[in-house]
Amino acid sequence: MRRSPRSVRQAAVSVFNHIHGRCLNGTGHPRTLSPVTCSGLPKVSVDNSGKSFCKWAGDFKADCISNGRTGELIEQSYHPEDTPIHRRSGRQRRSKLQAALLKEVDESKIKLSKKLVGIEKLSSGRVIIRFEDGFTDEVDFLIAADGIRSVVRSFTFPSHKIKYNGQSAYRTIISKSEVNALGTIPHASTFWQNLGGRYVFTSPLGDDDFEVTARISRPSEGQDHVSWGRPFDFSTLVHEYDGFCEPVRQVVQLAAKGETQEFALFSGPRLDRVVALDSIALIGDASHPLSGAFGAGAGFALEDVYTLSKTLEWAWTQGGGIKAALELYDRIRSPHYHDLYNVLDWYAGIGKEIAAEGLSVDDEIEAKVRRTKGKKSNWMYYYDIQTVVDNVLDGLDSKEN
């Protein structure tokens, strides 16, 4: 007899967060709400109806890539006409996505100011987790959602290392009305590309918010690089964008008057597995240290959560344990991240080919955009995790029968 999946939800859960203070503050950079993100929210019980916070993304239908030096539009992509407004991609403040997720969580279970300092697997199969403040807990199952610089990953895969990749991003939220007054910035998510890893990204958000993100190579030596956002005086870098077209220079000047956060970008090699010790699962950036995560890190994390919830439910109904659920989770997600890393390798190969052709600066910018477009580079935004998981589980059920 199969046990009821509802029994899985009776497990005691605690959430430990390194954020200091009495509450989750919701600060940080905006999140991309791609089709995979918006479709993923209902799968983790977050309301995503036409009245939800995803709806605003329908304000624009196109994503643009322009030459940042000349302002010339190189590529423009549109949502299919039958895409519901609340399933179109766009950007939104992290605080709003966080608030939607928190509605599904008993906040009394969230413990703040908890810095993890140690993990130990016991002979009983349980795991002891130790925190800097002296608190310890013994758990059956540990889910590591602690980001690209995951402490859990460093304990479970000590040979895996990530490093600063030489680039930093500077993100500022300014007034949409001020940007509209310029009359030169599209009402669309737009990459203004240049060479050397330098670009400016502009995008309308919800309400009167407008995002400006500037990415640039920064010295690796003598710098204290952190992956989380910290205040930065962006006016000190405005001159770095003098080579961009007038619209970009104007919006950069606006950003320099706002409150900017600096994010150093880290990355590392692909993990062979996203589970460990028969009792630990890595999700989100902890499981795939991809720099930038294709701008869809929130969506990837939701895919992880959905997959893990379904494999746990499947193992429970089969009378199995956590180990079986984790093996199935890894079977589904590890190959997916392998495919994502292959896309990065493909990008790098295209970049080397173009660099060897001796093109002019503007031709090189255009070539990089045009040669890396299409399904080979954007399939992850339309990846249907529900179908993938259903197919795997159906295959297992058919073998049993």
Protein backbone atom coordinates (compact mmCIF):
# COMPACT_ATOMS: atom_id res chain seq x y z
CA MET A 1 0.00 0.00 0.00
CA ARG A 2 1.26 3.45 -0.88
CA ARG A 3 1.38 6.02 1.88
CA SER A 4 -0.49 9.29 1.42
CA PRO A 5 1.67 12.11 0.00
CA ARG A 6 0.06 14.43 2.50
CA SER A 7 2.07 12.78 5.26
CA VAL A 8 5.22 14.28 3.79
CA ARG A 9 3.99 17.74 4.71
CA GLN A 10 3.81 16.81 8.40
CA ALA A 11 7.60 16.92 8.75
CA ALA A 12 9.08 19.49 11.13
CA VAL A 13 10.88 22.21 9.18
CA SER A 14 13.29 24.97 10.20
CA VAL A 15 14.80 27.60 7.91
CA PHE A 16 18.17 29.09 8.89
CA ASN A 17 19.27 32.34 7.25
CA HIS A 18 22.53 34.25 7.60
CA ILE A 19 20.71 37.60 7.25
CA HIS A 20 21.27 39.75 10.33
CA GLY A 21 18.35 41.45 12.04
CA ARG A 22 14.83 40.64 13.12
CA CYS A 23 13.23 40.22 9.71
CA LEU A 24 13.99 39.43 6.08
CA ASN A 25 14.62 42.86 4.60
CA GLY A 26 13.91 42.08 0.96
CA THR A 27 16.81 44.16 -0.32
CA GLY A 28 18.98 43.18 -3.24
CA HIS A 29 18.94 43.29 -7.00
CA PRO A 30 15.85 42.75 -9.16
CA ARG A 31 14.93 39.27 -10.35
CA THR A 32 14.14 38.15 -13.86
CA LEU A 33 10.62 36.79 -14.08
CA SER A 34 11.11 34.72 -17.22
CA PRO A 35 8.42 32.37 -18.56
CA VAL A 36 10.04 29.56 -16.59
CA THR A 37 9.92 31.64 -13.40
CA CYS A 38 6.32 32.75 -13.75
CA SER A 39 5.16 29.26 -14.69
CA GLY A 40 7.15 27.86 -11.77
CA LEU A 41 5.51 29.96 -9.08
CA PRO A 42 2.17 28.08 -9.07
CA LYS A 43 4.09 24.80 -8.85
CA VAL A 44 5.44 25.87 -5.45
CA SER A 45 2.00 27.12 -4.33
CA VAL A 46 2.59 30.81 -5.05
CA ASP A 47 -0.40 32.58 -6.57
CA ASN A 48 0.31 33.56 -10.15
CA SER A 49 -3.08 34.62 -11.47
CA GLY A 50 -3.62 37.57 -13.75
CA LYS A 51 -3.87 39.76 -10.65
CA SER A 52 -0.52 38.65 -9.25
CA PHE A 53 2.75 40.52 -9.25
CA CYS A 54 3.78 38.87 -12.53
CA LYS A 55 1.06 40.70 -14.43
CA TRP A 56 2.99 43.96 -14.76
CA ALA A 57 5.47 42.18 -17.07
CA GLY A 58 2.91 42.47 -19.84
CA ASP A 59 3.64 46.19 -20.08
CA PHE A 60 6.14 45.39 -22.82
CA LYS A 61 6.38 42.60 -25.37
CA ALA A 62 9.99 42.72 -26.52
CA ASP A 63 13.52 42.18 -25.25
CA CYS A 64 16.20 44.15 -27.07
CA ILE A 65 19.94 43.95 -27.67
CA SER A 66 21.60 47.10 -28.98
CA ASN A 67 25.11 48.24 -29.81
CA GLY A 68 26.01 50.24 -26.72
CA ARG A 69 28.41 52.44 -28.67
CA THR A 70 26.10 53.46 -31.50
CA GLY A 71 22.66 52.76 -30.05
CA GLU A 72 21.79 50.65 -33.11
CA LEU A 73 19.24 47.91 -32.43
CA ILE A 74 20.77 44.52 -33.29
CA GLU A 75 18.17 42.01 -32.12
CA GLN A 76 14.63 42.15 -30.79
CA SER A 77 12.65 39.19 -29.49
CA TYR A 78 8.92 39.01 -28.86
CA HIS A 79 6.70 36.84 -26.74
CA PRO A 80 4.34 34.66 -28.78
CA GLU A 81 1.00 36.42 -29.18
CA ASP A 82 -0.79 33.71 -27.19
CA THR A 83 1.47 34.15 -24.13
CA PRO A 84 -0.72 35.24 -21.19
CA ILE A 85 0.24 38.63 -19.77
CA HIS A 86 1.15 37.14 -16.40
CA ARG A 87 3.48 34.58 -18.05
CA ARG A 88 5.58 37.06 -20.02
CA SER A 89 9.14 37.69 -18.96
CA GLY A 90 10.22 40.83 -17.21
CA ARG A 91 11.99 42.15 -14.16
CA GLN A 92 10.74 42.80 -10.66
CA ARG A 93 12.15 43.85 -7.33
CA ARG A 94 13.48 40.97 -5.29
CA SER A 95 11.40 42.11 -2.32
CA LYS A 96 8.15 41.48 -4.20
CA LEU A 97 9.10 37.95 -5.25
CA GLN A 98 10.30 37.30 -1.72
CA ALA A 99 7.04 38.58 -0.25
CA ALA A 100 5.03 36.25 -2.50
CA LEU A 101 7.12 33.27 -1.42
CA LEU A 102 6.93 34.20 2.27
CA LYS A 103 3.13 34.03 2.12
CA GLU A 104 3.56 30.26 1.79
CA VAL A 105 5.90 29.95 4.79
CA ASP A 106 5.34 29.97 8.54
CA GLU A 107 7.74 32.79 9.38
CA SER A 108 8.10 31.50 12.93
CA LYS A 109 10.16 28.70 11.37
CA ILE A 110 12.72 31.16 9.96
CA LYS A 111 15.77 31.69 12.16
CA LEU A 112 17.85 34.75 11.25
CA SER A 113 21.49 35.62 12.03
CA LYS A 114 22.50 31.97 11.75
CA LYS A 115 25.95 31.54 10.21
CA LEU A 116 26.68 27.88 9.48
CA VAL A 117 30.16 26.79 10.55
CA GLY A 118 30.05 22.99 10.58
CA ILE A 119 28.31 19.88 9.26
CA GLU A 120 28.74 16.31 10.49
CA LYS A 121 27.14 13.11 9.24
CA LEU A 122 26.33 10.73 12.10
CA SER A 123 26.43 6.94 11.95
CA SER A 124 22.65 7.03 12.46
CA GLY A 125 22.32 8.75 9.10
CA ARG A 126 21.27 12.07 10.60
CA VAL A 127 23.21 15.31 10.14
CA ILE A 128 24.41 17.74 12.80
CA ILE A 129 24.59 21.38 11.76
CA ARG A 130 26.52 23.88 13.89
CA PHE A 131 26.22 27.64 13.86
CA GLU A 132 28.58 30.43 14.86
CA ASP A 133 26.42 31.46 17.82
CA GLY A 134 26.80 28.00 19.38
CA PHE A 135 23.39 26.70 18.33
CA THR A 136 23.33 23.14 16.95
CA ASP A 137 20.59 21.04 15.44
CA GLU A 138 20.28 17.42 14.38
CA VAL A 139 18.30 16.82 11.21
CA ASP A 140 17.28 13.98 8.90
CA PHE A 141 17.47 16.07 5.76
CA LEU A 142 19.35 19.28 4.91
CA ILE A 143 18.43 21.49 1.95
CA ALA A 144 21.21 23.90 1.01
CA ALA A 145 19.81 27.04 -0.56
CA ASP A 146 22.65 29.24 0.65
CA GLY A 147 23.74 30.83 -2.61
CA ILE A 148 26.67 30.79 -4.98
CA ARG A 149 29.17 30.90 -2.10
CA SER A 150 27.39 28.01 -0.39
CA VAL A 151 28.87 26.98 2.94
CA VAL A 152 27.11 23.63 2.71
CA ARG A 153 28.67 23.00 -0.70
CA SER A 154 32.13 23.81 0.66
CA PHE A 155 31.67 21.18 3.39
CA THR A 156 30.17 18.48 1.20
CA PHE A 157 32.41 19.06 -1.83
CA PRO A 158 35.63 20.48 -0.31
CA SER A 159 37.61 20.19 -3.55
CA HIS A 160 35.12 22.34 -5.45
CA LYS A 161 36.23 25.97 -5.59
CA ILE A 162 34.69 29.12 -6.98
CA LYS A 163 36.47 32.37 -7.67
CA TYR A 164 35.89 35.97 -8.63
CA ASN A 165 35.71 36.09 -12.42
CA GLY A 166 37.08 39.60 -12.80
CA GLN A 167 33.77 41.36 -13.34
CA SER A 168 31.38 43.26 -11.11
CA ALA A 169 27.81 44.43 -11.60
CA TYR A 170 26.42 47.73 -10.34
CA ARG A 171 22.65 47.81 -9.92
CA THR A 172 20.55 50.88 -9.27
CA ILE A 173 16.80 51.44 -9.05
CA ILE A 174 15.79 54.86 -10.34
CA SER A 175 12.52 56.58 -11.20
CA LYS A 176 10.75 55.30 -14.31
CA SER A 177 9.24 58.74 -14.84
CA GLU A 178 12.73 60.29 -14.95
CA VAL A 179 13.81 57.74 -17.54
CA ASN A 180 10.68 58.35 -19.60
CA ALA A 181 11.46 62.07 -19.54
CA LEU A 182 14.71 61.34 -21.39
CA GLY A 183 12.70 59.96 -24.31
CA THR A 184 15.61 57.82 -25.48
CA ILE A 185 15.41 54.56 -23.49
CA PRO A 186 13.08 51.78 -24.77
CA HIS A 187 10.26 50.51 -22.56
CA ALA A 188 11.79 47.04 -22.74
CA SER A 189 14.54 45.00 -21.16
CA THR A 190 17.54 46.15 -23.18
CA PHE A 191 21.18 45.10 -23.21
CA TRP A 192 23.51 47.84 -24.48
CA GLN A 193 26.51 45.75 -25.51
CA ASN A 194 30.16 46.70 -25.78
CA LEU A 195 33.37 44.68 -25.79
CA GLY A 196 35.47 43.43 -22.90
CA GLY A 197 32.51 42.19 -20.90
CA ARG A 198 31.21 45.73 -20.56
CA TYR A 199 27.53 46.45 -20.97
CA VAL A 200 24.62 48.40 -19.53
CA PHE A 201 21.23 46.77 -18.94
CA THR A 202 18.06 48.84 -18.62
CA SER A 203 14.61 47.58 -17.75
CA PRO A 204 11.29 48.86 -16.44
CA LEU A 205 10.16 47.22 -13.21
CA GLY A 206 6.86 47.44 -11.39
CA ASP A 207 5.29 50.72 -10.25
CA ASP A 208 7.65 53.69 -10.86
CA ASP A 209 10.81 51.61 -10.59
CA PHE A 210 13.40 51.34 -13.36
CA GLU A 211 16.55 49.23 -13.23
CA VAL A 212 19.99 50.22 -14.49
CA THR A 213 22.68 47.55 -14.22
CA ALA A 214 26.21 48.24 -15.42
CA ARG A 215 28.75 45.45 -15.76
CA ILE A 216 32.46 46.03 -16.04
CA SER A 217 35.79 44.29 -15.49
CA ARG A 218 37.41 45.25 -12.20
CA PRO A 219 40.85 44.56 -10.70
CA SER A 220 41.20 41.24 -8.92
CA GLU A 221 44.19 42.19 -6.81
CA GLY A 222 43.91 44.19 -3.63
CA GLN A 223 40.12 44.15 -3.65
CA ASP A 224 37.66 42.72 -1.15
CA HIS A 225 35.13 41.01 -3.38
CA VAL A 226 31.77 39.83 -2.05
CA SER A 227 28.90 38.24 -3.97
CA TRP A 228 26.13 39.96 -2.03
CA GLY A 229 25.12 43.55 -2.69
CA ARG A 230 26.86 46.36 -0.87
CA PRO A 231 26.53 50.14 -1.22
CA PHE A 232 28.76 51.71 -3.87
CA ASP A 233 29.34 55.25 -5.14
CA PHE A 234 28.63 54.67 -8.81
CA SER A 235 29.61 58.24 -9.71
CA THR A 236 33.23 57.06 -9.46
CA LEU A 237 32.69 54.78 -12.48
CA VAL A 238 30.59 57.02 -14.74
CA HIS A 239 33.64 57.89 -16.85
CA GLU A 240 34.02 54.20 -17.76
CA TYR A 241 30.91 54.59 -19.95
CA ASP A 242 32.03 57.64 -21.92
CA GLY A 243 32.39 55.40 -24.98
CA PHE A 244 28.70 54.51 -24.98
CA CYS A 245 26.00 56.31 -26.96
CA GLU A 246 24.23 59.39 -25.59
CA PRO A 247 21.08 57.58 -24.30
CA VAL A 248 23.21 55.21 -22.24
CA ARG A 249 25.37 58.02 -20.89
CA GLN A 250 22.22 59.87 -19.85
CA VAL A 251 20.73 56.95 -17.96
CA VAL A 252 24.10 56.17 -16.35
CA GLN A 253 24.19 59.76 -15.07
CA LEU A 254 20.75 59.23 -13.54
CA ALA A 255 21.93 56.00 -11.92
CA ALA A 256 24.93 57.79 -10.42
CA LYS A 257 22.50 59.94 -8.42
CA GLY A 258 20.72 56.92 -6.97
CA GLU A 259 21.60 54.23 -4.46
CA THR A 260 23.80 51.64 -6.17
CA GLN A 261 24.75 48.18 -5.00
CA GLU A 262 27.92 46.42 -6.11
CA PHE A 263 27.94 42.67 -6.79
CA ALA A 264 31.21 40.89 -7.48
CA LEU A 265 30.60 37.98 -9.85
CA PHE A 266 31.79 34.52 -8.86
CA SER A 267 31.67 31.25 -10.75
CA GLY A 268 33.03 27.74 -10.61
CA PRO A 269 33.05 24.40 -12.42
CA ARG A 270 30.00 22.20 -12.70
CA LEU A 271 29.32 19.86 -9.81
CA ASP A 272 29.13 16.18 -10.72
CA ARG A 273 26.24 15.78 -8.29
CA VAL A 274 23.78 18.10 -6.56
CA VAL A 275 23.24 15.77 -3.59
CA ALA A 276 25.57 14.50 -0.89
CA LEU A 277 25.82 12.12 2.07
CA ASP A 278 22.41 10.58 1.26
CA SER A 279 20.81 13.43 3.23
CA ILE A 280 21.77 16.78 1.63
CA ALA A 281 20.32 18.46 -1.46
CA LEU A 282 21.74 21.58 -3.09
CA ILE A 283 19.27 23.94 -4.75
CA GLY A 284 19.51 27.27 -6.55
CA ASP A 285 22.91 28.93 -6.90
CA ALA A 286 24.37 26.47 -4.41
CA SER A 287 23.85 23.67 -6.94
CA HIS A 288 25.04 25.52 -10.03
CA PRO A 289 27.70 28.22 -9.49
CA LEU A 290 26.95 29.85 -12.85
CA SER A 291 27.96 33.48 -13.01
CA GLY A 292 24.74 35.31 -13.84
CA ALA A 293 22.78 32.04 -14.22
CA PHE A 294 21.53 33.23 -17.64
CA GLY A 295 19.55 35.90 -15.83
CA ALA A 296 17.11 33.23 -14.66
CA GLY A 297 18.56 32.07 -11.36
CA ALA A 298 15.23 32.47 -9.58
CA GLY A 299 13.56 30.27 -12.19
CA PHE A 300 16.24 27.61 -11.92
CA ALA A 301 15.83 27.56 -8.13
CA LEU A 302 12.07 27.12 -8.48
CA GLU A 303 12.70 24.21 -10.86
CA ASP A 304 14.95 22.65 -8.22
CA VAL A 305 12.32 23.11 -5.52
CA TYR A 306 9.57 21.64 -7.68
CA THR A 307 11.71 18.64 -8.65
CA LEU A 308 12.80 17.95 -5.08
CA SER A 309 9.23 18.16 -3.76
CA LYS A 310 8.05 15.66 -6.37
CA THR A 311 10.89 13.19 -5.82
CA LEU A 312 10.33 13.30 -2.06
CA GLU A 313 6.62 12.68 -2.59
CA TRP A 314 7.35 9.83 -5.01
CA ALA A 315 9.81 8.16 -2.61
CA TRP A 316 7.33 8.46 0.23
CA THR A 317 4.47 6.88 -1.71
CA GLN A 318 6.79 4.03 -2.72
CA GLY A 319 7.76 3.39 0.88
CA GLY A 320 11.28 4.64 0.16
CA GLY A 321 13.48 7.03 2.07
CA ILE A 322 15.34 10.29 1.63
CA LYS A 323 18.22 8.59 -0.17
CA ALA A 324 15.94 7.34 -2.96
CA ALA A 325 14.38 10.78 -3.33
CA LEU A 326 17.77 12.47 -3.56
CA GLU A 327 19.09 10.01 -6.13
CA LEU A 328 16.08 10.73 -8.31
CA TYR A 329 16.44 14.50 -7.80
CA ASP A 330 20.08 14.27 -8.89
CA ARG A 331 19.16 12.11 -11.88
CA ILE A 332 16.86 14.88 -13.13
CA ARG A 333 18.80 18.05 -12.26
CA SER A 334 22.49 17.19 -12.73
CA PRO A 335 22.13 16.50 -16.49
CA HIS A 336 20.21 19.76 -16.84
CA TYR A 337 23.04 21.77 -15.31
CA HIS A 338 25.50 19.87 -17.48
CA ASP A 339 23.55 21.14 -20.50
CA LEU A 340 23.64 24.71 -19.16
CA TYR A 341 27.42 24.58 -18.74
CA ASN A 342 27.66 23.33 -22.32
CA VAL A 343 25.94 26.53 -23.43
CA LEU A 344 28.61 28.56 -21.62
CA ASP A 345 31.32 26.53 -23.36
CA TRP A 346 29.60 27.21 -26.69
CA TYR A 347 29.53 30.94 -25.94
CA ALA A 348 33.25 30.88 -25.16
CA GLY A 349 34.00 29.04 -28.40
CA ILE A 350 32.03 31.57 -30.46
CA GLY A 351 33.86 34.40 -28.72
CA LYS A 352 37.25 32.94 -29.63
CA GLU A 353 36.22 32.45 -33.26
CA ILE A 354 35.06 36.05 -33.58
CA ALA A 355 38.13 37.46 -31.83
CA ALA A 356 40.35 35.70 -34.38
CA GLU A 357 38.57 37.30 -37.34
CA GLY A 358 39.96 40.80 -36.84
CA LEU A 359 36.60 42.55 -37.11
CA SER A 360 35.98 46.19 -36.31
CA VAL A 361 34.62 46.91 -32.83
CA ASP A 362 31.03 47.44 -34.01
CA ASP A 363 31.11 44.41 -36.31
CA GLU A 364 32.47 42.29 -33.47
CA ILE A 365 29.67 43.43 -31.15
CA GLU A 366 27.06 42.55 -33.78
CA ALA A 367 28.67 39.20 -34.61
CA LYS A 368 28.66 38.11 -30.96
CA VAL A 369 24.97 38.92 -30.66
CA ARG A 370 23.85 37.31 -33.90
CA ARG A 371 25.93 34.15 -33.62
CA THR A 372 24.75 33.35 -30.11
CA LYS A 373 21.02 33.78 -30.67
CA GLY A 374 18.33 31.16 -31.23
CA LYS A 375 17.17 27.98 -29.57
CA LYS A 376 20.68 26.83 -28.73
CA SER A 377 21.08 29.82 -26.42
CA ASN A 378 17.55 30.39 -25.09
CA TRP A 379 16.04 26.91 -24.64
CA MET A 380 16.43 27.14 -20.85
CA TYR A 381 13.85 29.93 -20.68
CA TYR A 382 11.15 27.60 -22.03
CA TYR A 383 12.25 24.39 -20.32
CA ASP A 384 9.14 22.65 -18.94
CA ILE A 385 10.22 21.09 -15.67
CA GLN A 386 6.76 19.66 -14.96
CA THR A 387 6.82 17.62 -18.17
CA VAL A 388 10.38 16.44 -17.49
CA VAL A 389 9.55 15.30 -13.96
CA ASP A 390 6.27 13.68 -15.02
CA ASN A 391 8.03 11.70 -17.76
CA VAL A 392 10.66 10.39 -15.35
CA LEU A 393 8.11 9.40 -12.72
CA ASP A 394 5.79 7.82 -15.30
CA GLY A 395 8.73 5.77 -16.56
CA LEU A 396 9.44 4.50 -13.06
CA ASP A 397 5.79 3.64 -12.47
CA SER A 398 5.57 1.72 -15.77
CA LYS A 399 8.61 -0.36 -14.81
CA GLU A 400 6.97 -1.29 -11.53
CA ASN A 401 3.78 -2.32 -13.30
